[in-house]
């Protein structure tokens, strides 16, 4: 079994080596430390997204579950008076991506493009989980509600980015 800790340890070690290599190799370039920090932290964030969504890899077949009815699990849990922790986690999971995308890519400072990229990311995660379940076994499911919550969280992240831009402009800080 390949677990979350195994992946996290080696991916983080690789990132640390990359940061050291990048800082030495590009020490004379004019890329600011803030931009480098944003880039490195976005990679570390993606390591966590992969860790939480695709691991553990168990090689033990599980029953594959697919939920394609929008808001089914959300409405079911709300009607019972219970809001699952998983819903909050799915909302928060891609929230930082809604912030990182416009920070890292000038072209993605457009809400529609950011939503499109985040939706593709969320759909890819769910599809990989489905493929894992059908092939090597996984306790993960394909759930359209997860995609809705992931995308909604990223939209909030995008609006946080927009608020940051307004505040930084007032403080005369250049991005």
Protein backbone atom coordinates (compact mmCIF):
# COMPACT_ATOMS: atom_id res chain seq x y z
CA UNK A 1 0.00 0.00 0.00
CA UNK A 2 1.25 3.46 -0.90
CA UNK A 3 -0.12 5.78 1.76
CA UNK A 4 -0.50 9.52 2.09
CA UNK A 5 2.54 9.94 4.34
CA UNK A 6 4.84 8.11 1.94
CA UNK A 7 3.75 10.31 -0.96
CA UNK A 8 3.87 13.50 1.11
CA UNK A 9 7.37 12.81 2.42
CA UNK A 10 8.94 12.11 -0.97
CA UNK A 11 7.05 14.84 -2.82
CA UNK A 12 8.04 17.42 -0.18
CA UNK A 13 11.66 16.25 -0.28
CA UNK A 14 11.66 16.61 -4.07
CA UNK A 15 10.16 20.12 -3.73
CA UNK A 16 12.85 21.15 -1.22
CA UNK A 17 15.57 19.94 -3.58
CA UNK A 18 13.91 21.79 -6.46
CA UNK A 19 13.68 25.03 -4.44
CA UNK A 20 17.38 24.83 -3.56
CA UNK A 21 18.32 24.08 -7.17
CA UNK A 22 16.08 26.88 -8.47
CA UNK A 23 17.39 29.46 -6.02
CA UNK A 24 21.02 28.63 -6.88
CA UNK A 25 20.43 28.44 -10.63
CA UNK A 26 18.36 31.61 -10.87
CA UNK A 27 19.98 33.71 -8.15
CA UNK A 28 20.87 36.51 -10.56
CA UNK A 29 17.44 36.74 -12.20
CA UNK A 30 15.13 39.52 -11.13
CA UNK A 31 12.20 37.35 -10.07
CA UNK A 32 11.20 38.56 -6.63
CA UNK A 33 11.28 36.33 -3.60
CA UNK A 34 7.54 36.95 -3.15
CA UNK A 35 6.79 35.56 -6.62
CA UNK A 36 9.04 32.58 -5.94
CA UNK A 37 7.33 31.97 -2.61
CA UNK A 38 3.89 32.04 -4.28
CA UNK A 39 5.09 29.56 -6.91
CA UNK A 40 6.73 27.20 -4.39
CA UNK A 41 3.75 27.34 -2.04
CA UNK A 42 1.39 26.56 -4.93
CA UNK A 43 3.39 23.41 -5.67
CA UNK A 44 3.27 22.45 -1.99
CA UNK A 45 -0.49 23.05 -2.03
CA UNK A 46 -0.88 20.77 -5.06
CA UNK A 47 1.11 18.06 -3.26
CA UNK A 48 -1.52 18.21 -0.53
CA UNK A 49 -4.41 18.12 -3.00
CA UNK A 50 -2.94 14.99 -4.58
CA UNK A 51 -2.25 13.48 -1.15
CA UNK A 52 -5.82 14.00 0.05
CA UNK A 53 -7.62 13.04 -3.16
CA UNK A 54 -5.63 10.19 -4.69
CA UNK A 55 -4.04 8.38 -1.76
CA UNK A 56 -3.86 5.81 -0.26
CA UNK A 57 -3.37 3.39 -3.13
CA UNK A 58 -4.49 0.08 -1.69
CA UNK A 59 -4.56 -2.51 -4.54
CA UNK A 60 -7.63 -3.99 -2.89
CA UNK A 61 -10.89 -3.89 -4.84
CA UNK A 62 -13.67 -1.85 -3.33
CA UNK A 63 -17.18 -1.31 -4.59
CA UNK A 64 -17.17 1.57 -7.06
CA UNK A 65 -19.65 4.32 -6.35
CA UNK A 66 -20.78 6.98 -8.82
CA UNK A 67 -23.13 9.80 -7.84
CA UNK A 68 -24.25 11.91 -10.82
CA UNK A 69 -27.32 13.68 -9.37
CA UNK A 70 -26.36 17.27 -8.48
CA UNK A 71 -26.98 18.24 -4.84
CA UNK A 72 -28.20 14.74 -3.93
CA UNK A 73 -25.88 14.13 -1.01
CA UNK A 74 -25.94 17.80 0.00
CA UNK A 75 -29.75 17.97 0.12
CA UNK A 76 -29.97 14.55 1.76
CA UNK A 77 -27.64 15.56 4.59
CA UNK A 78 -29.22 19.00 5.03
CA UNK A 79 -32.70 17.49 5.32
CA UNK A 80 -31.43 15.23 8.09
CA UNK A 81 -29.93 18.23 9.92
CA UNK A 82 -26.38 16.99 9.42
CA UNK A 83 -23.77 18.86 7.41
CA UNK A 84 -20.97 16.44 6.69
CA UNK A 85 -17.37 17.40 7.30
CA UNK A 86 -16.60 16.08 3.83
CA UNK A 87 -18.69 18.85 2.26
CA UNK A 88 -16.74 21.53 4.06
CA UNK A 89 -13.48 19.81 3.12
CA UNK A 90 -14.52 19.66 -0.54
CA UNK A 91 -15.45 23.34 -0.48
CA UNK A 92 -12.07 24.26 1.04
CA UNK A 93 -10.00 21.83 -1.09
CA UNK A 94 -9.75 23.98 -4.22
CA UNK A 95 -10.34 27.37 -2.58
CA UNK A 96 -6.58 28.14 -2.68
CA UNK A 97 -6.51 27.22 -6.38
CA UNK A 98 -8.94 30.07 -7.04
CA UNK A 99 -6.37 32.34 -5.43
CA UNK A 100 -3.20 30.81 -6.92
CA UNK A 101 -4.35 30.73 -10.55
CA UNK A 102 -4.80 34.50 -10.97
CA UNK A 103 -1.70 35.16 -8.87
CA UNK A 104 0.48 32.94 -11.04
CA UNK A 105 -1.08 33.46 -14.47
CA UNK A 106 -2.03 36.90 -15.76
CA UNK A 107 -4.47 35.36 -18.25
CA UNK A 108 -6.42 33.66 -15.46
CA UNK A 109 -7.35 36.94 -13.81
CA UNK A 110 -10.65 36.41 -15.59
CA UNK A 111 -13.32 34.75 -13.45
CA UNK A 112 -14.73 32.60 -16.28
CA UNK A 113 -11.32 31.20 -17.23
CA UNK A 114 -10.46 30.52 -13.61
CA UNK A 115 -13.76 28.70 -13.08
CA UNK A 116 -13.14 26.67 -16.24
CA UNK A 117 -9.64 25.60 -15.13
CA UNK A 118 -10.85 24.76 -11.61
CA UNK A 119 -13.80 22.78 -12.95
CA UNK A 120 -11.43 20.82 -15.22
CA UNK A 121 -9.16 20.19 -12.26
CA UNK A 122 -12.03 18.96 -10.09
CA UNK A 123 -13.41 16.79 -12.90
CA UNK A 124 -9.94 15.31 -13.43
CA UNK A 125 -9.63 14.45 -9.75
CA UNK A 126 -13.04 12.77 -9.71
CA UNK A 127 -12.31 10.88 -12.95
CA UNK A 128 -8.96 9.63 -11.65
CA UNK A 129 -10.70 8.46 -8.47
CA UNK A 130 -13.25 6.60 -10.60
CA UNK A 131 -10.55 4.99 -12.75
CA UNK A 132 -8.64 3.98 -9.61
CA UNK A 133 -11.78 2.41 -8.23
CA UNK A 134 -12.43 0.47 -11.41
CA UNK A 135 -8.85 -0.78 -11.78
CA UNK A 136 -6.73 -1.12 -8.65
CA UNK A 137 -9.38 -0.43 -6.04
CA UNK A 138 -10.13 2.69 -4.07
CA UNK A 139 -12.40 3.80 -1.30
CA UNK A 140 -13.02 7.05 -3.23
CA UNK A 141 -16.13 7.77 -5.27
CA UNK A 142 -17.04 9.85 -8.29
CA UNK A 143 -19.38 12.48 -6.90
CA UNK A 144 -20.75 15.41 -8.87
CA UNK A 145 -21.42 17.23 -5.58
CA UNK A 146 -17.67 17.23 -4.92
CA UNK A 147 -17.12 19.01 -8.23
CA UNK A 148 -19.77 21.60 -7.38
CA UNK A 149 -18.28 22.20 -3.92
CA UNK A 150 -14.68 22.29 -5.23
CA UNK A 151 -15.60 24.84 -7.89
CA UNK A 152 -17.63 26.95 -5.45
CA UNK A 153 -14.70 27.06 -3.04
CA UNK A 154 -12.36 28.17 -5.82
CA UNK A 155 -14.78 30.95 -6.78
CA UNK A 156 -14.52 32.23 -3.20
CA UNK A 157 -10.71 32.00 -3.54
CA UNK A 158 -10.91 34.09 -6.72
CA UNK A 159 -12.92 36.78 -4.92
CA UNK A 160 -10.38 36.77 -2.09
CA UNK A 161 -7.74 37.42 -4.78
CA UNK A 162 -9.80 40.34 -6.11
CA UNK A 163 -10.09 41.82 -2.59
CA UNK A 164 -6.33 41.42 -2.13
CA UNK A 165 -5.74 43.33 -5.38
CA UNK A 166 -7.90 46.23 -4.18
CA UNK A 167 -6.12 46.35 -0.80
CA UNK A 168 -2.66 46.09 -2.35
CA UNK A 169 -3.49 48.82 -4.86
CA UNK A 170 -4.57 51.11 -2.02
CA UNK A 171 -1.29 50.36 -0.27
CA UNK A 172 0.54 50.97 -3.57
CA UNK A 173 2.04 47.47 -3.62
CA UNK A 174 2.79 46.15 -7.10
CA UNK A 175 1.85 42.57 -7.98
